[in-house]
Amino acid sequence: LFHGDFYKAGVAMAGCYDNRMDKI
């Protein structure tokens, strides 16, 4: 999202992608 000019591919497993959705 923020460094797509450098990183070309990613495997994201079980991510807490929005911290409002994750544990307190």
PDB file of all heavy atoms in Angstrom:
ATOM      1  N   LEU A   1       0.813  -1.213   0.000  1.00  0.00           N
ATOM      2  CA  LEU A   1       0.000   0.000   0.000  1.00  0.00           C
ATOM      3  C   LEU A   1       0.847   1.264   0.000  1.00  0.00           C
ATOM      4  O   LEU A   1       0.542   2.228  -0.713  1.00  0.00           O
ATOM      5  CB  LEU A   1      -0.929   0.020   1.223  1.00  0.00           C
ATOM      6  CG  LEU A   1      -1.976  -1.093   1.346  1.00  0.00           C
ATOM      7  CD1 LEU A   1      -2.803  -0.874   2.602  1.00  0.00           C
ATOM      8  CD2 LEU A   1      -2.859  -1.164   0.115  1.00  0.00           C
ATOM      9  N   PHE A   2       1.898   1.268   0.806  1.00  0.00           N
ATOM     10  CA  PHE A   2       2.670   2.495   1.018  1.00  0.00           C
ATOM     11  C   PHE A   2       4.053   2.476   0.368  1.00  0.00           C
ATOM     12  O   PHE A   2       4.692   3.521   0.256  1.00  0.00           O
ATOM     13  CB  PHE A   2       2.811   2.756   2.523  1.00  0.00           C
ATOM     14  CG  PHE A   2       1.497   2.872   3.240  1.00  0.00           C
ATOM     15  CD1 PHE A   2       1.059   1.875   4.096  1.00  0.00           C
ATOM     16  CD2 PHE A   2       0.672   3.969   3.044  1.00  0.00           C
ATOM     17  CE1 PHE A   2      -0.155   1.969   4.752  1.00  0.00           C
ATOM     18  CE2 PHE A   2      -0.549   4.075   3.696  1.00  0.00           C
ATOM     19  CZ  PHE A   2      -0.968   3.074   4.553  1.00  0.00           C
ATOM     20  N   HIS A   3       4.502   1.293  -0.058  1.00  0.00           N
ATOM     21  CA  HIS A   3       5.828   1.184  -0.685  1.00  0.00           C
ATOM     22  C   HIS A   3       5.763   0.244  -1.879  1.00  0.00           C
ATOM     23  O   HIS A   3       6.675  -0.543  -2.124  1.00  0.00           O
ATOM     24  CB  HIS A   3       6.852   0.691   0.342  1.00  0.00           C
ATOM     25  CG  HIS A   3       6.951   1.567   1.556  1.00  0.00           C
ATOM     26  ND1 HIS A   3       7.670   2.739   1.591  1.00  0.00           N
ATOM     27  CD2 HIS A   3       6.355   1.454   2.783  1.00  0.00           C
ATOM     28  CE1 HIS A   3       7.544   3.309   2.778  1.00  0.00           C
ATOM     29  NE2 HIS A   3       6.747   2.549   3.521  1.00  0.00           N
ATOM     30  N   GLY A   4       4.656   0.357  -2.629  1.00  0.00           N
ATOM     31  CA  GLY A   4       4.467  -0.501  -3.785  1.00  0.00           C
ATOM     32  C   GLY A   4       5.441  -0.244  -4.915  1.00  0.00           C
ATOM     33  O   GLY A   4       5.548  -1.062  -5.836  1.00  0.00           O
ATOM     34  N   ASP A   5       6.164   0.856  -4.854  1.00  0.00           N
ATOM     35  CA  ASP A   5       7.207   1.102  -5.846  1.00  0.00           C
ATOM     36  C   ASP A   5       8.439   0.249  -5.578  1.00  0.00           C
ATOM     37  O   ASP A   5       9.284   0.079  -6.472  1.00  0.00           O
ATOM     38  CB  ASP A   5       7.597   2.578  -5.855  1.00  0.00           C
ATOM     39  CG  ASP A   5       8.030   3.084  -4.482  1.00  0.00           C
ATOM     40  OD1 ASP A   5       7.642   2.461  -3.466  1.00  0.00           O
ATOM     41  OD2 ASP A   5       8.745   4.099  -4.418  1.00  0.00           O
ATOM     42  N   PHE A   6       8.557  -0.313  -4.379  1.00  0.00           N
ATOM     43  CA  PHE A   6       9.725  -1.130  -4.024  1.00  0.00           C
ATOM     44  C   PHE A   6       9.351  -2.604  -3.922  1.00  0.00           C
ATOM     45  O   PHE A   6      10.014  -3.464  -4.497  1.00  0.00           O
ATOM     46  CB  PHE A   6      10.320  -0.638  -2.699  1.00  0.00           C
ATOM     47  CG  PHE A   6      11.577  -1.369  -2.310  1.00  0.00           C
ATOM     48  CD1 PHE A   6      12.794  -1.019  -2.873  1.00  0.00           C
ATOM     49  CD2 PHE A   6      11.537  -2.409  -1.392  1.00  0.00           C
ATOM     50  CE1 PHE A   6      13.967  -1.698  -2.526  1.00  0.00           C
ATOM     51  CE2 PHE A   6      12.693  -3.095  -1.042  1.00  0.00           C
ATOM     52  CZ  PHE A   6      13.906  -2.735  -1.611  1.00  0.00           C
ATOM     53  N   TYR A   7       8.304  -2.921  -3.159  1.00  0.00           N
ATOM     54  CA  TYR A   7       7.876  -4.308  -2.981  1.00  0.00           C
ATOM     55  C   TYR A   7       6.904  -4.679  -4.103  1.00  0.00           C
ATOM     56  O   TYR A   7       5.919  -3.966  -4.349  1.00  0.00           O
ATOM     57  CB  TYR A   7       7.210  -4.495  -1.625  1.00  0.00           C
ATOM     58  CG  TYR A   7       8.159  -4.323  -0.462  1.00  0.00           C
ATOM     59  CD1 TYR A   7       8.255  -3.109   0.213  1.00  0.00           C
ATOM     60  CD2 TYR A   7       8.963  -5.379  -0.028  1.00  0.00           C
ATOM     61  CE1 TYR A   7       9.122  -2.955   1.293  1.00  0.00           C
ATOM     62  CE2 TYR A   7       9.824  -5.228   1.047  1.00  0.00           C
ATOM     63  CZ  TYR A   7       9.907  -4.016   1.703  1.00  0.00           C
ATOM     64  OH  TYR A   7      10.762  -3.863   2.763  1.00  0.00           O
ATOM     65  N   LYS A   8       7.159  -5.796  -4.772  1.00  0.00           N
ATOM     66  CA  LYS A   8       6.387  -6.177  -5.952  1.00  0.00           C
ATOM     67  C   LYS A   8       5.308  -7.215  -5.662  1.00  0.00           C
ATOM     68  O   LYS A   8       4.361  -7.339  -6.441  1.00  0.00           O
ATOM     69  CB  LYS A   8       7.336  -6.727  -7.032  1.00  0.00           C
ATOM     70  CG  LYS A   8       8.495  -5.796  -7.380  1.00  0.00           C
ATOM     71  CD  LYS A   8       8.021  -4.402  -7.762  1.00  0.00           C
ATOM     72  CE  LYS A   8       9.194  -3.502  -8.140  1.00  0.00           C
ATOM     73  NZ  LYS A   8       8.784  -2.095  -8.360  1.00  0.00           N
ATOM     74  N   ALA A   9       5.461  -7.995  -4.605  1.00  0.00           N
ATOM     75  CA  ALA A   9       4.500  -9.056  -4.309  1.00  0.00           C
ATOM     76  C   ALA A   9       4.535  -9.365  -2.818  1.00  0.00           C
ATOM     77  O   ALA A   9       5.596  -9.261  -2.185  1.00  0.00           O
ATOM     78  CB  ALA A   9       4.816 -10.315  -5.112  1.00  0.00           C
ATOM     79  N   GLY A  10       3.387  -9.761  -2.253  1.00  0.00           N
ATOM     80  CA  GLY A  10       3.342 -10.058  -0.828  1.00  0.00           C
ATOM     81  C   GLY A  10       2.322 -11.124  -0.490  1.00  0.00           C
ATOM     82  O   GLY A  10       1.240 -11.172  -1.083  1.00  0.00           O
ATOM     83  N   VAL A  11       2.662 -11.978   0.484  1.00  0.00           N
ATOM     84  CA  VAL A  11       1.737 -12.956   1.041  1.00  0.00           C
ATOM     85  C   VAL A  11       1.453 -12.525   2.480  1.00  0.00           C
ATOM     86  O   VAL A  11       2.354 -12.536   3.333  1.00  0.00           O
ATOM     87  CB  VAL A  11       2.302 -14.382   1.012  1.00  0.00           C
ATOM     88  CG1 VAL A  11       1.313 -15.356   1.644  1.00  0.00           C
ATOM     89  CG2 VAL A  11       2.615 -14.805  -0.421  1.00  0.00           C
ATOM     90  N   ALA A  12       0.208 -12.133   2.738  1.00  0.00           N
ATOM     91  CA  ALA A  12      -0.207 -11.626   4.044  1.00  0.00           C
ATOM     92  C   ALA A  12      -1.111 -12.660   4.699  1.00  0.00           C
ATOM     93  O   ALA A  12      -2.187 -12.965   4.186  1.00  0.00           O
ATOM     94  CB  ALA A  12      -0.928 -10.293   3.890  1.00  0.00           C
ATOM     95  N   MET A  13      -0.675 -13.204   5.836  1.00  0.00           N
ATOM     96  CA  MET A  13      -1.412 -14.251   6.522  1.00  0.00           C
ATOM     97  C   MET A  13      -1.988 -13.742   7.837  1.00  0.00           C
ATOM     98  O   MET A  13      -1.261 -13.149   8.647  1.00  0.00           O
ATOM     99  CB  MET A  13      -0.496 -15.449   6.792  1.00  0.00           C
ATOM    100  CG  MET A  13       0.031 -16.104   5.531  1.00  0.00           C
ATOM    101  SD  MET A  13       1.130 -17.520   5.846  1.00  0.00           S
ATOM    102  CE  MET A  13       2.650 -16.662   6.284  1.00  0.00           C
ATOM    103  N   ALA A  14      -3.295 -13.959   8.027  1.00  0.00           N
ATOM    104  CA  ALA A  14      -3.962 -13.702   9.312  1.00  0.00           C
ATOM    105  C   ALA A  14      -3.679 -12.299   9.835  1.00  0.00           C
ATOM    106  O   ALA A  14      -3.451 -12.103  11.021  1.00  0.00           O
ATOM    107  CB  ALA A  14      -3.532 -14.743  10.346  1.00  0.00           C
ATOM    108  N   GLY A  15      -3.702 -11.318   8.958  1.00  0.00           N
ATOM    109  CA  GLY A  15      -3.299  -9.973   9.348  1.00  0.00           C
ATOM    110  C   GLY A  15      -4.356  -9.208  10.112  1.00  0.00           C
ATOM    111  O   GLY A  15      -5.559  -9.370   9.901  1.00  0.00           O
ATOM    112  N   CYS A  16      -3.892  -8.321  10.993  1.00  0.00           N
ATOM    113  CA  CYS A  16      -4.769  -7.365  11.688  1.00  0.00           C
ATOM    114  C   CYS A  16      -4.750  -6.077  10.864  1.00  0.00           C
ATOM    115  O   CYS A  16      -4.129  -5.094  11.246  1.00  0.00           O
ATOM    116  CB  CYS A  16      -4.305  -7.134  13.122  1.00  0.00           C
ATOM    117  SG  CYS A  16      -2.519  -6.910  13.339  1.00  0.00           S
ATOM    118  N   TYR A  17      -5.425  -6.090   9.730  1.00  0.00           N
ATOM    119  CA  TYR A  17      -5.263  -5.052   8.715  1.00  0.00           C
ATOM    120  C   TYR A  17      -5.889  -3.724   9.091  1.00  0.00           C
ATOM    121  O   TYR A  17      -5.533  -2.700   8.525  1.00  0.00           O
ATOM    122  CB  TYR A  17      -5.845  -5.536   7.390  1.00  0.00           C
ATOM    123  CG  TYR A  17      -5.270  -6.851   6.932  1.00  0.00           C
ATOM    124  CD1 TYR A  17      -6.050  -7.997   6.881  1.00  0.00           C
ATOM    125  CD2 TYR A  17      -3.926  -6.959   6.578  1.00  0.00           C
ATOM    126  CE1 TYR A  17      -5.522  -9.201   6.473  1.00  0.00           C
ATOM    127  CE2 TYR A  17      -3.385  -8.164   6.173  1.00  0.00           C
ATOM    128  CZ  TYR A  17      -4.196  -9.288   6.124  1.00  0.00           C
ATOM    129  OH  TYR A  17      -3.659 -10.484   5.722  1.00  0.00           O
ATOM    130  N   ASP A  18      -6.842  -3.748   9.990  1.00  0.00           N
ATOM    131  CA  ASP A  18      -7.429  -2.514  10.513  1.00  0.00           C
ATOM    132  C   ASP A  18      -7.441  -2.650  12.018  1.00  0.00           C
ATOM    133  O   ASP A  18      -8.151  -3.492  12.572  1.00  0.00           O
ATOM    134  CB  ASP A  18      -8.841  -2.303   9.973  1.00  0.00           C
ATOM    135  CG  ASP A  18      -9.393  -0.928  10.325  1.00  0.00           C
ATOM    136  OD1 ASP A  18      -9.339  -0.547  11.517  1.00  0.00           O
ATOM    137  OD2 ASP A  18      -9.880  -0.232   9.415  1.00  0.00           O
ATOM    138  N   ASN A  19      -6.666  -1.826  12.695  1.00  0.00           N
ATOM    139  CA  ASN A  19      -6.457  -1.999  14.128  1.00  0.00           C
ATOM    140  C   ASN A  19      -7.713  -1.749  14.952  1.00  0.00           C
ATOM    141  O   ASN A  19      -7.779  -2.138  16.115  1.00  0.00           O
ATOM    142  CB  ASN A  19      -5.308  -1.112  14.595  1.00  0.00           C
ATOM    143  CG  ASN A  19      -4.020  -1.417  13.850  1.00  0.00           C
ATOM    144  OD1 ASN A  19      -3.686  -0.741  12.883  1.00  0.00           O
ATOM    145  ND2 ASN A  19      -3.324  -2.461  14.259  1.00  0.00           N
ATOM    146  N   ARG A  20      -8.722  -1.153  14.349  1.00  0.00           N
ATOM    147  CA  ARG A  20      -9.999  -0.983  15.038  1.00  0.00           C
ATOM    148  C   ARG A  20     -10.768  -2.299  15.107  1.00  0.00           C
ATOM    149  O   ARG A  20     -11.681  -2.449  15.916  1.00  0.00           O
ATOM    150  CB  ARG A  20     -10.840   0.084  14.323  1.00  0.00           C
ATOM    151  CG  ARG A  20     -10.234   1.468  14.385  1.00  0.00           C
ATOM    152  CD  ARG A  20     -10.857   2.415  13.389  1.00  0.00           C
ATOM    153  NE  ARG A  20     -10.568   2.055  12.007  1.00  0.00           N
ATOM    154  CZ  ARG A  20     -10.734   2.869  10.960  1.00  0.00           C
ATOM    155  NH1 ARG A  20     -11.188   4.099  11.154  1.00  0.00           N
ATOM    156  NH2 ARG A  20     -10.454   2.461   9.732  1.00  0.00           N
ATOM    157  N   MET A  21     -10.388  -3.249  14.253  1.00  0.00           N
ATOM    158  CA  MET A  21     -11.047  -4.557  14.219  1.00  0.00           C
ATOM    159  C   MET A  21     -10.358  -5.573  15.114  1.00  0.00           C
ATOM    160  O   MET A  21     -10.885  -6.656  15.358  1.00  0.00           O
ATOM    161  CB  MET A  21     -11.053  -5.088  12.783  1.00  0.00           C
ATOM    162  CG  MET A  21     -12.028  -4.399  11.869  1.00  0.00           C
ATOM    163  SD  MET A  21     -13.727  -4.829  12.290  1.00  0.00           S
ATOM    164  CE  MET A  21     -13.723  -6.570  11.857  1.00  0.00           C
ATOM    165  N   ASP A  22      -9.176  -5.264  15.589  1.00  0.00           N
ATOM    166  CA  ASP A  22      -8.340  -6.228  16.301  1.00  0.00           C
ATOM    167  C   ASP A  22      -8.543  -6.090  17.808  1.00  0.00           C
ATOM    168  O   ASP A  22      -9.260  -5.216  18.286  1.00  0.00           O
ATOM    169  CB  ASP A  22      -6.883  -6.000  15.904  1.00  0.00           C
ATOM    170  CG  ASP A  22      -5.962  -7.125  16.311  1.00  0.00           C
ATOM    171  OD1 ASP A  22      -6.449  -8.261  16.485  1.00  0.00           O
ATOM    172  OD2 ASP A  22      -4.754  -6.874  16.477  1.00  0.00           O
ATOM    173  N   LYS A  23      -7.854  -6.921  18.555  1.00  0.00           N
ATOM    174  CA  LYS A  23      -7.985  -6.989  20.005  1.00  0.00           C
ATOM    175  C   LYS A  23      -7.613  -5.669  20.672  1.00  0.00           C
ATOM    176  O   LYS A  23      -6.721  -4.946  20.213  1.00  0.00           O
ATOM    177  CB  LYS A  23      -7.135  -8.135  20.550  1.00  0.00           C
ATOM    178  CG  LYS A  23      -5.635  -7.918  20.361  1.00  0.00           C
ATOM    179  CD  LYS A  23      -4.846  -9.176  20.586  1.00  0.00           C
ATOM    180  CE  LYS A  23      -4.979 -10.128  19.435  1.00  0.00           C
ATOM    181  NZ  LYS A  23      -4.415  -9.620  18.158  1.00  0.00           N
ATOM    182  N   ILE A  24      -8.272  -5.362  21.781  1.00  0.00           N
ATOM    183  CA  ILE A  24      -8.074  -4.087  22.461  1.00  0.00           C
ATOM    184  C   ILE A  24      -6.659  -3.931  23.005  1.00  0.00           C
ATOM    185  O   ILE A  24      -6.061  -2.853  22.919  1.00  0.00           O
ATOM    186  CB  ILE A  24      -9.121  -3.917  23.586  1.00  0.00           C
ATOM    187  CG1 ILE A  24      -9.055  -2.518  24.195  1.00  0.00           C
ATOM    188  CG2 ILE A  24      -8.977  -5.000  24.652  1.00  0.00           C
ATOM    189  CD1 ILE A  24     -10.177  -2.244  25.198  1.00  0.00           C
TER     190      ILE A  24
END
